[in-house]
C-alpha cells in the first residue's frame, strides 16, 4: 500500500496543496469550491495513492468545505490548531511565508507529528454556527448603513433608502435570533448546554448560542488549555537574548470569532462573576494594564465554560477551580 501525506493551506478563494509521495513533493493549487474539491480528488486518484493522510489548519469556515468533502471520500483527515503549525515552523526556523511553503510545512508537520484524525461536528452544531455567523454578518451590515446615515447625509432620497435598508436589517436580525433559539429549543442537548452556559454570570442566551456554535462539540478538546489554544487565547512569552524580556501576550493564532464572542461576556464577568472578578482584581493589583486584564478574563471565562460543559454541572460561585490561567 502506497502511503502519502497531503498538506493544505486554505485561503478564501483558493487553496494550495503539497503532496509528499515517494519522497517527492508535488505542489498544486485549486479553487475553494466544490468543483475544486472534485478536481483535487481526481488529481489524487491519478497519483495511485491508496493510503493518504490529509492535514489542514482549523481556519474557520474557509476550510470546512474541503475538510467535509475529503472526509466523505473516506480520506484520513486531520484539522489542527494553527498555533501548532506556527510552533512547528518556529522550531524549524522557517522564514519563508508563502501559500506554497505553508502547504509544504503543514504536510511536513503531518508526517512528523501524526496528528489525531478529525470527524465533522454533529449537524446541529454546524447549523447553529451557520446561523450565529449569519447574525454577525447582519449586525455588521446594519452598523455600516447606520454609520452612513449618521455621517451627514442630507439628500432625502438617500436618507429614505438608508432607513428602509436599516429597517429590513432589523427585521432580519429579529428573525434570525428567533430561528437560533428555536433551533436550540428543538434539540435537547443544545438546550441543556445553553442552560449550563447561562448559569455563568456574564453569559446570556445569545452569547451562549454563539459560543456553542464556535466551540461546537466540546468533547473534541482534551482539556481547557486545548480549547484556549483553539481560541488563540494562550499566553505567548516573548524574549530576546538576556536583555529584552517582554510581558506575555496572547498568541491570537486561532478562532477569531470565538475571541470576539468572548469579549463582552468577559467584561460583564469582570464585574458580576465572583470568580472572574476576584481574578481580575489580583491582576490589576499586580500591575497588568486594563486590556491585558480583559484578555486574561476571556481566558479564565473560557476555562470556566469548558469545565461546566465537560462536567455537566452549572456554575457554582463557591467552587474555585484550580486553573492556572497565566503560565
C-alpha atoms as a PDB file:
ATOM      1  CA  UNK A   1       0.000   0.000   0.000  1.00  0.00           C
ATOM      2  CA  UNK A   2       1.382   3.392  -1.025  1.00  0.00           C
ATOM      3  CA  UNK A   3       1.404   5.908   1.844  1.00  0.00           C
ATOM      4  CA  UNK A   4       1.323   9.665   1.247  1.00  0.00           C
ATOM      5  CA  UNK A   5       0.816  12.935   3.089  1.00  0.00           C
ATOM      6  CA  UNK A   6      -1.120  15.964   1.830  1.00  0.00           C
ATOM      7  CA  UNK A   7      -0.810  19.402   3.406  1.00  0.00           C
ATOM      8  CA  UNK A   8      -3.457  22.018   2.566  1.00  0.00           C
ATOM      9  CA  UNK A   9      -3.058  25.763   3.073  1.00  0.00           C
ATOM     10  CA  UNK A  10      -6.508  27.349   2.968  1.00  0.00           C
ATOM     11  CA  UNK A  11      -7.470  30.802   1.686  1.00  0.00           C
ATOM     12  CA  UNK A  12     -10.882  32.299   0.947  1.00  0.00           C
ATOM     13  CA  UNK A  13     -10.967  31.714  -2.813  1.00  0.00           C
ATOM     14  CA  UNK A  14      -8.239  29.105  -3.365  1.00  0.00           C
ATOM     15  CA  UNK A  15      -6.101  26.620  -1.516  1.00  0.00           C
ATOM     16  CA  UNK A  16      -2.608  25.272  -2.082  1.00  0.00           C
ATOM     17  CA  UNK A  17      -1.670  21.639  -1.546  1.00  0.00           C
ATOM     18  CA  UNK A  18       1.658  19.889  -1.077  1.00  0.00           C
ATOM     19  CA  UNK A  19       1.732  16.130  -1.630  1.00  0.00           C
ATOM     20  CA  UNK A  20       4.583  14.112  -0.121  1.00  0.00           C
ATOM     21  CA  UNK A  21       4.678  10.850  -2.071  1.00  0.00           C
ATOM     22  CA  UNK A  22       7.614   8.545  -2.802  1.00  0.00           C
ATOM     23  CA  UNK A  23       9.943  11.064  -1.091  1.00  0.00           C
ATOM     24  CA  UNK A  24       8.886  13.714  -3.609  1.00  0.00           C
ATOM     25  CA  UNK A  25       6.876  16.873  -3.021  1.00  0.00           C
ATOM     26  CA  UNK A  26       4.263  17.902  -5.586  1.00  0.00           C
ATOM     27  CA  UNK A  27       2.537  21.282  -5.382  1.00  0.00           C
ATOM     28  CA  UNK A  28      -0.776  22.314  -6.860  1.00  0.00           C
ATOM     29  CA  UNK A  29      -3.500  24.926  -6.391  1.00  0.00           C
ATOM     30  CA  UNK A  30      -7.287  24.528  -6.571  1.00  0.00           C
ATOM     31  CA  UNK A  31     -10.366  26.730  -6.284  1.00  0.00           C
ATOM     32  CA  UNK A  32     -12.016  26.640  -2.859  1.00  0.00           C
ATOM     33  CA  UNK A  33     -15.291  25.372  -4.353  1.00  0.00           C
ATOM     34  CA  UNK A  34     -17.000  22.019  -4.773  1.00  0.00           C
ATOM     35  CA  UNK A  35     -15.581  21.831  -8.304  1.00  0.00           C
ATOM     36  CA  UNK A  36     -12.119  22.457  -6.858  1.00  0.00           C
ATOM     37  CA  UNK A  37     -12.585  19.691  -4.287  1.00  0.00           C
ATOM     38  CA  UNK A  38     -13.586  17.284  -7.044  1.00  0.00           C
ATOM     39  CA  UNK A  39     -10.546  18.269  -9.107  1.00  0.00           C
ATOM     40  CA  UNK A  40      -8.308  17.634  -6.105  1.00  0.00           C
ATOM     41  CA  UNK A  41      -9.865  14.224  -5.595  1.00  0.00           C
ATOM     42  CA  UNK A  42      -9.368  13.330  -9.274  1.00  0.00           C
ATOM     43  CA  UNK A  43      -5.741  14.511  -9.116  1.00  0.00           C
ATOM     44  CA  UNK A  44      -5.091  12.383  -6.049  1.00  0.00           C
ATOM     45  CA  UNK A  45      -6.626   9.324  -7.709  1.00  0.00           C
ATOM     46  CA  UNK A  46      -4.240   9.765 -10.664  1.00  0.00           C
ATOM     47  CA  UNK A  47      -1.277   9.502  -8.307  1.00  0.00           C
ATOM     48  CA  UNK A  48      -2.249   5.923  -7.458  1.00  0.00           C
ATOM     49  CA  UNK A  49      -2.390   6.659  -3.732  1.00  0.00           C
ATOM     50  CA  UNK A  50      -4.177   4.115  -1.558  1.00  0.00           C
ATOM     51  CA  UNK A  51      -3.289   5.405   1.911  1.00  0.00           C
ATOM     52  CA  UNK A  52      -3.389   9.174   2.326  1.00  0.00           C
ATOM     53  CA  UNK A  53      -3.288  11.345   5.453  1.00  0.00           C
ATOM     54  CA  UNK A  54      -4.538  14.893   4.813  1.00  0.00           C
ATOM     55  CA  UNK A  55      -3.841  17.786   7.148  1.00  0.00           C
ATOM     56  CA  UNK A  56      -5.076  21.380   7.217  1.00  0.00           C
ATOM     57  CA  UNK A  57      -5.379  24.158   9.765  1.00  0.00           C
ATOM     58  CA  UNK A  58      -8.570  24.970  11.652  1.00  0.00           C
ATOM     59  CA  UNK A  59      -9.058  28.328   9.945  1.00  0.00           C
ATOM     60  CA  UNK A  60     -12.809  28.595  10.365  1.00  0.00           C
ATOM     61  CA  UNK A  61     -15.381  28.475   7.575  1.00  0.00           C
ATOM     62  CA  UNK A  62     -12.901  28.629   4.669  1.00  0.00           C
ATOM     63  CA  UNK A  63     -11.596  25.136   5.397  1.00  0.00           C
ATOM     64  CA  UNK A  64     -14.847  23.492   6.443  1.00  0.00           C
ATOM     65  CA  UNK A  65     -15.965  22.624   2.917  1.00  0.00           C
ATOM     66  CA  UNK A  66     -12.836  20.842   1.739  1.00  0.00           C
ATOM     67  CA  UNK A  67     -12.418  19.031   5.075  1.00  0.00           C
ATOM     68  CA  UNK A  68     -16.007  17.767   4.932  1.00  0.00           C
ATOM     69  CA  UNK A  69     -15.703  16.722   1.276  1.00  0.00           C
ATOM     70  CA  UNK A  70     -12.435  14.826   1.783  1.00  0.00           C
ATOM     71  CA  UNK A  71     -13.801  13.106   4.884  1.00  0.00           C
ATOM     72  CA  UNK A  72     -16.807  11.950   2.854  1.00  0.00           C
ATOM     73  CA  UNK A  73     -14.399  10.485   0.271  1.00  0.00           C
ATOM     74  CA  UNK A  74     -13.038   8.253   3.081  1.00  0.00           C
ATOM     75  CA  UNK A  75      -9.675  10.005   3.375  1.00  0.00           C
ATOM     76  CA  UNK A  76      -7.945  10.299   6.750  1.00  0.00           C
ATOM     77  CA  UNK A  77      -8.242  13.988   7.635  1.00  0.00           C
ATOM     78  CA  UNK A  78      -6.671  15.979  10.469  1.00  0.00           C
ATOM     79  CA  UNK A  79      -7.738  19.559  11.247  1.00  0.00           C
ATOM     80  CA  UNK A  80      -5.163  21.078  13.586  1.00  0.00           C
ATOM     81  CA  UNK A  81      -4.871  24.277  15.563  1.00  0.00           C
ATOM     82  CA  UNK A  82      -2.862  26.912  13.623  1.00  0.00           C
ATOM     83  CA  UNK A  83      -0.832  27.533  16.784  1.00  0.00           C
ATOM     84  CA  UNK A  84       0.651  24.043  16.466  1.00  0.00           C
ATOM     85  CA  UNK A  85       1.732  24.686  12.895  1.00  0.00           C
ATOM     86  CA  UNK A  86       3.219  28.031  13.885  1.00  0.00           C
ATOM     87  CA  UNK A  87       5.136  26.436  16.749  1.00  0.00           C
ATOM     88  CA  UNK A  88       6.415  23.738  14.400  1.00  0.00           C
ATOM     89  CA  UNK A  89       7.517  26.394  11.891  1.00  0.00           C
ATOM     90  CA  UNK A  90       9.394  28.248  14.641  1.00  0.00           C
ATOM     91  CA  UNK A  91      11.129  25.046  15.707  1.00  0.00           C
ATOM     92  CA  UNK A  92      12.297  24.604  12.112  1.00  0.00           C
ATOM     93  CA  UNK A  93      13.398  28.258  11.873  1.00  0.00           C
ATOM     94  CA  UNK A  94      11.212  28.734   8.813  1.00  0.00           C
ATOM     95  CA  UNK A  95      11.489  32.224   7.317  1.00  0.00           C
ATOM     96  CA  UNK A  96       9.569  31.954   4.028  1.00  0.00           C
ATOM     97  CA  UNK A  97       5.877  32.821   4.207  1.00  0.00           C
ATOM     98  CA  UNK A  98       4.065  31.857   1.016  1.00  0.00           C
ATOM     99  CA  UNK A  99       0.994  29.713   0.397  1.00  0.00           C
ATOM    100  CA  UNK A 100       3.124  27.079  -1.318  1.00  0.00           C
ATOM    101  CA  UNK A 101       5.648  26.985   1.518  1.00  0.00           C
ATOM    102  CA  UNK A 102       2.850  26.867   4.099  1.00  0.00           C
ATOM    103  CA  UNK A 103       1.245  23.850   2.425  1.00  0.00           C
ATOM    104  CA  UNK A 104       4.596  22.048   2.470  1.00  0.00           C
ATOM    105  CA  UNK A 105       5.086  22.957   6.121  1.00  0.00           C
ATOM    106  CA  UNK A 106       1.674  21.536   7.027  1.00  0.00           C
ATOM    107  CA  UNK A 107       2.495  18.332   5.135  1.00  0.00           C
ATOM    108  CA  UNK A 108       5.812  18.015   6.987  1.00  0.00           C
ATOM    109  CA  UNK A 109       4.071  18.610  10.301  1.00  0.00           C
ATOM    110  CA  UNK A 110       1.568  15.862   9.480  1.00  0.00           C
ATOM    111  CA  UNK A 111       4.361  13.469   8.511  1.00  0.00           C
ATOM    112  CA  UNK A 112       6.373  14.096  11.681  1.00  0.00           C
ATOM    113  CA  UNK A 113       3.662  14.613  14.306  1.00  0.00           C
ATOM    114  CA  UNK A 114       0.899  12.309  13.036  1.00  0.00           C
ATOM    115  CA  UNK A 115      -1.990  14.434  14.415  1.00  0.00           C
ATOM    116  CA  UNK A 116      -5.246  12.873  15.540  1.00  0.00           C
ATOM    117  CA  UNK A 117      -7.883  12.232  12.917  1.00  0.00           C
ATOM    118  CA  UNK A 118     -10.829  14.612  12.570  1.00  0.00           C
ATOM    119  CA  UNK A 119     -14.514  13.889  12.275  1.00  0.00           C
ATOM    120  CA  UNK A 120     -17.104  16.514  11.287  1.00  0.00           C
ATOM    121  CA  UNK A 121     -19.067  18.077  14.149  1.00  0.00           C
ATOM    122  CA  UNK A 122     -22.693  16.976  14.576  1.00  0.00           C
ATOM    123  CA  UNK A 123     -25.021  18.743  12.144  1.00  0.00           C
ATOM    124  CA  UNK A 124     -26.889  20.503  14.949  1.00  0.00           C
ATOM    125  CA  UNK A 125     -23.704  22.396  15.900  1.00  0.00           C
ATOM    126  CA  UNK A 126     -22.811  23.116  12.294  1.00  0.00           C
ATOM    127  CA  UNK A 127     -26.260  24.599  11.617  1.00  0.00           C
ATOM    128  CA  UNK A 128     -26.053  26.638  14.820  1.00  0.00           C
ATOM    129  CA  UNK A 129     -22.675  28.035  13.775  1.00  0.00           C
ATOM    130  CA  UNK A 130     -24.014  28.966  10.337  1.00  0.00           C
ATOM    131  CA  UNK A 131     -26.935  30.863  11.873  1.00  0.00           C
ATOM    132  CA  UNK A 132     -24.889  32.694  14.526  1.00  0.00           C
ATOM    133  CA  UNK A 133     -22.290  33.730  11.944  1.00  0.00           C
ATOM    134  CA  UNK A 134     -25.063  34.953   9.650  1.00  0.00           C
ATOM    135  CA  UNK A 135     -26.379  37.005  12.563  1.00  0.00           C
ATOM    136  CA  UNK A 136     -22.963  38.633  12.960  1.00  0.00           C
ATOM    137  CA  UNK A 137     -22.886  39.456   9.246  1.00  0.00           C
ATOM    138  CA  UNK A 138     -26.315  41.097   9.502  1.00  0.00           C
ATOM    139  CA  UNK A 139     -25.280  43.120  12.543  1.00  0.00           C
ATOM    140  CA  UNK A 140     -22.140  44.365  10.791  1.00  0.00           C
ATOM    141  CA  UNK A 141     -24.090  45.298   7.662  1.00  0.00           C
ATOM    142  CA  UNK A 142     -26.680  47.184   9.693  1.00  0.00           C
ATOM    143  CA  UNK A 143     -23.947  49.079  11.512  1.00  0.00           C
ATOM    144  CA  UNK A 144     -22.391  50.120   8.197  1.00  0.00           C
ATOM    145  CA  UNK A 145     -25.676  51.570   6.994  1.00  0.00           C
ATOM    146  CA  UNK A 146     -26.337  53.216  10.371  1.00  0.00           C
ATOM    147  CA  UNK A 147     -22.914  54.849  10.254  1.00  0.00           C
ATOM    148  CA  UNK A 148     -23.621  56.172   6.783  1.00  0.00           C
ATOM    149  CA  UNK A 149     -26.982  57.562   7.881  1.00  0.00           C
ATOM    150  CA  UNK A 150     -25.315  59.448  10.728  1.00  0.00           C
ATOM    151  CA  UNK A 151     -22.379  60.649   8.635  1.00  0.00           C
ATOM    152  CA  UNK A 152     -24.082  63.826   7.439  1.00  0.00           C
ATOM    153  CA  UNK A 153     -26.200  62.615   4.506  1.00  0.00           C
ATOM    154  CA  UNK A 154     -28.727  65.312   3.575  1.00  0.00           C
ATOM    155  CA  UNK A 155     -30.343  64.046   0.365  1.00  0.00           C
ATOM    156  CA  UNK A 156     -33.914  62.974   1.248  1.00  0.00           C
ATOM    157  CA  UNK A 157     -33.975  60.087  -1.237  1.00  0.00           C
ATOM    158  CA  UNK A 158     -30.753  58.651   0.185  1.00  0.00           C
ATOM    159  CA  UNK A 159     -31.946  59.076   3.774  1.00  0.00           C
ATOM    160  CA  UNK A 160     -35.218  57.304   2.968  1.00  0.00           C
ATOM    161  CA  UNK A 161     -33.382  54.462   1.243  1.00  0.00           C
ATOM    162  CA  UNK A 162     -30.957  54.014   4.150  1.00  0.00           C
ATOM    163  CA  UNK A 163     -33.820  53.994   6.655  1.00  0.00           C
ATOM    164  CA  UNK A 164     -35.619  51.305   4.643  1.00  0.00           C
ATOM    165  CA  UNK A 165     -32.436  49.198   4.414  1.00  0.00           C
ATOM    166  CA  UNK A 166     -31.848  49.519   8.170  1.00  0.00           C
ATOM    167  CA  UNK A 167     -35.466  48.567   8.881  1.00  0.00           C
ATOM    168  CA  UNK A 168     -35.031  45.498   6.679  1.00  0.00           C
ATOM    169  CA  UNK A 169     -31.874  44.536   8.579  1.00  0.00           C
ATOM    170  CA  UNK A 170     -33.756  44.980  11.867  1.00  0.00           C
ATOM    171  CA  UNK A 171     -36.438  42.548  10.686  1.00  0.00           C
ATOM    172  CA  UNK A 172     -33.858  40.009   9.502  1.00  0.00           C
ATOM    173  CA  UNK A 173     -31.883  40.253  12.740  1.00  0.00           C
ATOM    174  CA  UNK A 174     -35.025  39.733  14.819  1.00  0.00           C
ATOM    175  CA  UNK A 175     -35.970  36.709  12.696  1.00  0.00           C
ATOM    176  CA  UNK A 176     -32.557  35.003  12.778  1.00  0.00           C
ATOM    177  CA  UNK A 177     -32.363  35.479  16.563  1.00  0.00           C
ATOM    178  CA  UNK A 178     -35.718  33.722  16.855  1.00  0.00           C
ATOM    179  CA  UNK A 179     -34.527  30.978  14.488  1.00  0.00           C
ATOM    180  CA  UNK A 180     -31.383  30.447  16.564  1.00  0.00           C
ATOM    181  CA  UNK A 181     -33.335  29.980  19.776  1.00  0.00           C
ATOM    182  CA  UNK A 182     -35.909  27.776  18.037  1.00  0.00           C
ATOM    183  CA  UNK A 183     -33.075  25.578  16.739  1.00  0.00           C
ATOM    184  CA  UNK A 184     -31.682  25.227  20.253  1.00  0.00           C
ATOM    185  CA  UNK A 185     -35.099  24.502  21.760  1.00  0.00           C
ATOM    186  CA  UNK A 186     -35.644  21.711  19.201  1.00  0.00           C
ATOM    187  CA  UNK A 187     -32.503  19.859  20.314  1.00  0.00           C
ATOM    188  CA  UNK A 188     -32.360  18.816  23.986  1.00  0.00           C
ATOM    189  CA  UNK A 189     -28.553  18.578  24.037  1.00  0.00           C
ATOM    190  CA  UNK A 190     -28.146  22.125  22.746  1.00  0.00           C
ATOM    191  CA  UNK A 191     -30.751  23.397  25.207  1.00  0.00           C
ATOM    192  CA  UNK A 192     -29.008  21.592  28.060  1.00  0.00           C
ATOM    193  CA  UNK A 193     -25.661  23.151  27.152  1.00  0.00           C
ATOM    194  CA  UNK A 194     -27.184  26.606  26.716  1.00  0.00           C
ATOM    195  CA  UNK A 195     -28.756  26.333  30.183  1.00  0.00           C
ATOM    196  CA  UNK A 196     -25.351  25.379  31.617  1.00  0.00           C
ATOM    197  CA  UNK A 197     -23.651  28.359  29.992  1.00  0.00           C
ATOM    198  CA  UNK A 198     -26.212  30.940  31.092  1.00  0.00           C
ATOM    199  CA  UNK A 199     -25.646  29.792  34.681  1.00  0.00           C
ATOM    200  CA  UNK A 200     -22.266  31.577  34.396  1.00  0.00           C
ATOM    201  CA  UNK A 201     -22.612  35.266  35.372  1.00  0.00           C
ATOM    202  CA  UNK A 202     -21.690  37.319  32.321  1.00  0.00           C
ATOM    203  CA  UNK A 203     -23.124  34.963  29.700  1.00  0.00           C
ATOM    204  CA  UNK A 204     -26.622  35.475  28.281  1.00  0.00           C
ATOM    205  CA  UNK A 205     -28.665  33.228  26.000  1.00  0.00           C
ATOM    206  CA  UNK A 206     -27.470  34.772  22.747  1.00  0.00           C
ATOM    207  CA  UNK A 207     -23.813  34.730  23.798  1.00  0.00           C
ATOM    208  CA  UNK A 208     -24.248  31.103  24.872  1.00  0.00           C
ATOM    209  CA  UNK A 209     -25.690  30.276  21.449  1.00  0.00           C
ATOM    210  CA  UNK A 210     -22.727  31.897  19.695  1.00  0.00           C
ATOM    211  CA  UNK A 211     -20.238  30.135  21.957  1.00  0.00           C
ATOM    212  CA  UNK A 212     -21.816  26.736  21.303  1.00  0.00           C
ATOM    213  CA  UNK A 213     -21.746  27.432  17.561  1.00  0.00           C
ATOM    214  CA  UNK A 214     -17.998  28.113  17.614  1.00  0.00           C
ATOM    215  CA  UNK A 215     -16.896  25.549  20.216  1.00  0.00           C
ATOM    216  CA  UNK A 216     -19.245  23.007  18.676  1.00  0.00           C
ATOM    217  CA  UNK A 217     -18.524  19.605  20.231  1.00  0.00           C
ATOM    218  CA  UNK A 218     -16.635  20.236  23.476  1.00  0.00           C
ATOM    219  CA  UNK A 219     -15.527  16.588  23.565  1.00  0.00           C
ATOM    220  CA  UNK A 220     -13.174  17.416  20.679  1.00  0.00           C
ATOM    221  CA  UNK A 221     -10.900  19.070  23.256  1.00  0.00           C
ATOM    222  CA  UNK A 222      -8.971  17.061  25.814  1.00  0.00           C
ATOM    223  CA  UNK A 223      -8.666  19.912  28.294  1.00  0.00           C
ATOM    224  CA  UNK A 224      -9.316  23.627  28.779  1.00  0.00           C
ATOM    225  CA  UNK A 225      -5.852  24.547  27.548  1.00  0.00           C
ATOM    226  CA  UNK A 226      -6.572  22.937  24.171  1.00  0.00           C
ATOM    227  CA  UNK A 227      -9.759  24.961  23.895  1.00  0.00           C
ATOM    228  CA  UNK A 228      -7.864  28.140  24.822  1.00  0.00           C
ATOM    229  CA  UNK A 229      -5.278  27.409  22.142  1.00  0.00           C
ATOM    230  CA  UNK A 230      -8.090  26.853  19.622  1.00  0.00           C
ATOM    231  CA  UNK A 231      -9.412  30.312  20.512  1.00  0.00           C
ATOM    232  CA  UNK A 232      -5.956  31.905  20.326  1.00  0.00           C
ATOM    233  CA  UNK A 233      -6.110  32.850  23.997  1.00  0.00           C
ATOM    234  CA  UNK A 234      -2.997  31.039  25.154  1.00  0.00           C
ATOM    235  CA  UNK A 235      -0.391  33.493  26.507  1.00  0.00           C
ATOM    236  CA  UNK A 236       2.811  33.646  24.453  1.00  0.00           C
ATOM    237  CA  UNK A 237       6.082  34.609  26.102  1.00  0.00           C
ATOM    238  CA  UNK A 238       8.340  36.985  24.165  1.00  0.00           C
ATOM    239  CA  UNK A 239      12.040  37.297  24.937  1.00  0.00           C
ATOM    240  CA  UNK A 240      15.235  38.163  23.122  1.00  0.00           C
ATOM    241  CA  UNK A 241      18.633  37.233  24.500  1.00  0.00           C
ATOM    242  CA  UNK A 242      19.156  38.278  28.100  1.00  0.00           C
ATOM    243  CA  UNK A 243      18.439  41.972  27.803  1.00  0.00           C
ATOM    244  CA  UNK A 244      14.892  42.081  26.462  1.00  0.00           C
ATOM    245  CA  UNK A 245      12.009  40.391  28.258  1.00  0.00           C
ATOM    246  CA  UNK A 246       8.509  41.406  27.270  1.00  0.00           C
ATOM    247  CA  UNK A 247       5.274  40.583  29.040  1.00  0.00           C
ATOM    248  CA  UNK A 248       3.384  37.540  27.830  1.00  0.00           C
ATOM    249  CA  UNK A 249       0.734  38.327  25.244  1.00  0.00           C
ATOM    250  CA  UNK A 250      -1.986  36.335  23.529  1.00  0.00           C
ATOM    251  CA  UNK A 251      -0.971  34.248  20.551  1.00  0.00           C
ATOM    252  CA  UNK A 252      -4.131  35.270  18.586  1.00  0.00           C
ATOM    253  CA  UNK A 253      -3.489  32.282  16.329  1.00  0.00           C
ATOM    254  CA  UNK A 254      -6.849  30.554  16.405  1.00  0.00           C
ATOM    255  CA  UNK A 255     -10.568  31.147  16.088  1.00  0.00           C
ATOM    256  CA  UNK A 256     -11.017  34.932  15.891  1.00  0.00           C
ATOM    257  CA  UNK A 257     -14.820  34.556  16.005  1.00  0.00           C
ATOM    258  CA  UNK A 258     -14.603  32.823  19.370  1.00  0.00           C
ATOM    259  CA  UNK A 259     -12.368  35.580  20.772  1.00  0.00           C
ATOM    260  CA  UNK A 260     -14.793  38.237  19.533  1.00  0.00           C
ATOM    261  CA  UNK A 261     -17.759  36.470  21.142  1.00  0.00           C
ATOM    262  CA  UNK A 262     -15.947  36.211  24.486  1.00  0.00           C
ATOM    263  CA  UNK A 263     -15.062  39.898  24.688  1.00  0.00           C
ATOM    264  CA  UNK A 264     -18.337  41.386  26.001  1.00  0.00           C
ATOM    265  CA  UNK A 265     -19.141  38.432  28.329  1.00  0.00           C
ATOM    266  CA  UNK A 266     -15.647  38.786  29.796  1.00  0.00           C
ATOM    267  CA  UNK A 267     -16.227  42.482  30.504  1.00  0.00           C
ATOM    268  CA  UNK A 268     -19.539  41.627  32.171  1.00  0.00           C
ATOM    269  CA  UNK A 269     -17.998  38.736  34.113  1.00  0.00           C
ATOM    270  CA  UNK A 270     -15.205  41.056  35.289  1.00  0.00           C
ATOM    271  CA  UNK A 271     -17.854  42.975  37.250  1.00  0.00           C
ATOM    272  CA  UNK A 272     -20.512  40.368  38.051  1.00  0.00           C
ATOM    273  CA  UNK A 273     -18.840  36.941  38.142  1.00  0.00           C
ATOM    274  CA  UNK A 274     -17.224  36.409  41.583  1.00  0.00           C
ATOM    275  CA  UNK A 275     -14.523  34.058  40.300  1.00  0.00           C
ATOM    276  CA  UNK A 276     -13.552  36.208  37.320  1.00  0.00           C
ATOM    277  CA  UNK A 277     -13.903  39.434  39.317  1.00  0.00           C
ATOM    278  CA  UNK A 278     -11.527  38.309  42.082  1.00  0.00           C
ATOM    279  CA  UNK A 279      -9.098  37.040  39.479  1.00  0.00           C
ATOM    280  CA  UNK A 280      -9.119  40.370  37.602  1.00  0.00           C
ATOM    281  CA  UNK A 281      -8.638  42.349  40.814  1.00  0.00           C
ATOM    282  CA  UNK A 282      -5.482  40.375  41.567  1.00  0.00           C
ATOM    283  CA  UNK A 283      -4.144  41.022  38.080  1.00  0.00           C
ATOM    284  CA  UNK A 284      -4.849  44.761  38.294  1.00  0.00           C
ATOM    285  CA  UNK A 285      -3.036  44.970  41.617  1.00  0.00           C
ATOM    286  CA  UNK A 286      -0.103  43.077  40.104  1.00  0.00           C
ATOM    287  CA  UNK A 287       0.348  45.853  37.531  1.00  0.00           C
ATOM    288  CA  UNK A 288      -1.318  44.488  34.392  1.00  0.00           C
ATOM    289  CA  UNK A 289      -2.927  47.022  32.091  1.00  0.00           C
ATOM    290  CA  UNK A 290      -6.749  47.055  31.729  1.00  0.00           C
ATOM    291  CA  UNK A 291      -6.749  45.450  28.255  1.00  0.00           C
ATOM    292  CA  UNK A 292      -4.380  42.735  29.450  1.00  0.00           C
ATOM    293  CA  UNK A 293      -6.769  42.030  32.314  1.00  0.00           C
ATOM    294  CA  UNK A 294      -9.720  41.740  29.918  1.00  0.00           C
ATOM    295  CA  UNK A 295      -7.762  39.294  27.770  1.00  0.00           C
ATOM    296  CA  UNK A 296      -6.963  37.248  30.864  1.00  0.00           C
ATOM    297  CA  UNK A 297     -10.648  37.400  31.853  1.00  0.00           C
ATOM    298  CA  UNK A 298     -11.577  35.971  28.442  1.00  0.00           C
ATOM    299  CA  UNK A 299      -9.098  33.157  29.026  1.00  0.00           C
ATOM    300  CA  UNK A 300     -10.424  32.489  32.541  1.00  0.00           C
ATOM    301  CA  UNK A 301     -14.028  32.571  31.347  1.00  0.00           C
ATOM    302  CA  UNK A 302     -13.250  30.052  28.616  1.00  0.00           C
ATOM    303  CA  UNK A 303     -11.758  27.721  31.235  1.00  0.00           C
ATOM    304  CA  UNK A 304     -14.977  28.012  33.240  1.00  0.00           C
ATOM    305  CA  UNK A 305     -17.029  27.323  30.103  1.00  0.00           C
ATOM    306  CA  UNK A 306     -15.007  24.201  29.347  1.00  0.00           C
ATOM    307  CA  UNK A 307     -15.301  22.866  32.889  1.00  0.00           C
ATOM    308  CA  UNK A 308     -19.042  23.423  33.076  1.00  0.00           C
ATOM    309  CA  UNK A 309     -19.761  21.871  29.667  1.00  0.00           C
ATOM    310  CA  UNK A 310     -17.440  18.943  30.364  1.00  0.00           C
ATOM    311  CA  UNK A 311     -18.844  18.116  33.809  1.00  0.00           C
ATOM    312  CA  UNK A 312     -22.441  18.990  33.015  1.00  0.00           C
ATOM    313  CA  UNK A 313     -22.716  20.895  36.299  1.00  0.00           C
ATOM    314  CA  UNK A 314     -23.920  24.535  36.415  1.00  0.00           C
ATOM    315  CA  UNK A 315     -21.798  27.390  37.698  1.00  0.00           C
ATOM    316  CA  UNK A 316     -21.119  27.367  41.445  1.00  0.00           C
ATOM    317  CA  UNK A 317     -19.676  30.643  42.814  1.00  0.00           C
ATOM    318  CA  UNK A 318     -18.420  28.800  45.899  1.00  0.00           C
ATOM    319  CA  UNK A 319     -16.273  26.427  43.859  1.00  0.00           C
ATOM    320  CA  UNK A 320     -12.945  27.909  42.792  1.00  0.00           C
ATOM    321  CA  UNK A 321     -11.500  25.700  40.051  1.00  0.00           C
ATOM    322  CA  UNK A 322      -7.784  25.188  40.306  1.00  0.00           C
ATOM    323  CA  UNK A 323      -6.985  26.558  36.878  1.00  0.00           C
ATOM    324  CA  UNK A 324      -3.703  28.335  36.162  1.00  0.00           C
ATOM    325  CA  UNK A 325      -4.603  30.999  33.574  1.00  0.00           C
ATOM    326  CA  UNK A 326      -1.215  32.602  33.059  1.00  0.00           C
ATOM    327  CA  UNK A 327       1.849  30.392  32.746  1.00  0.00           C
END
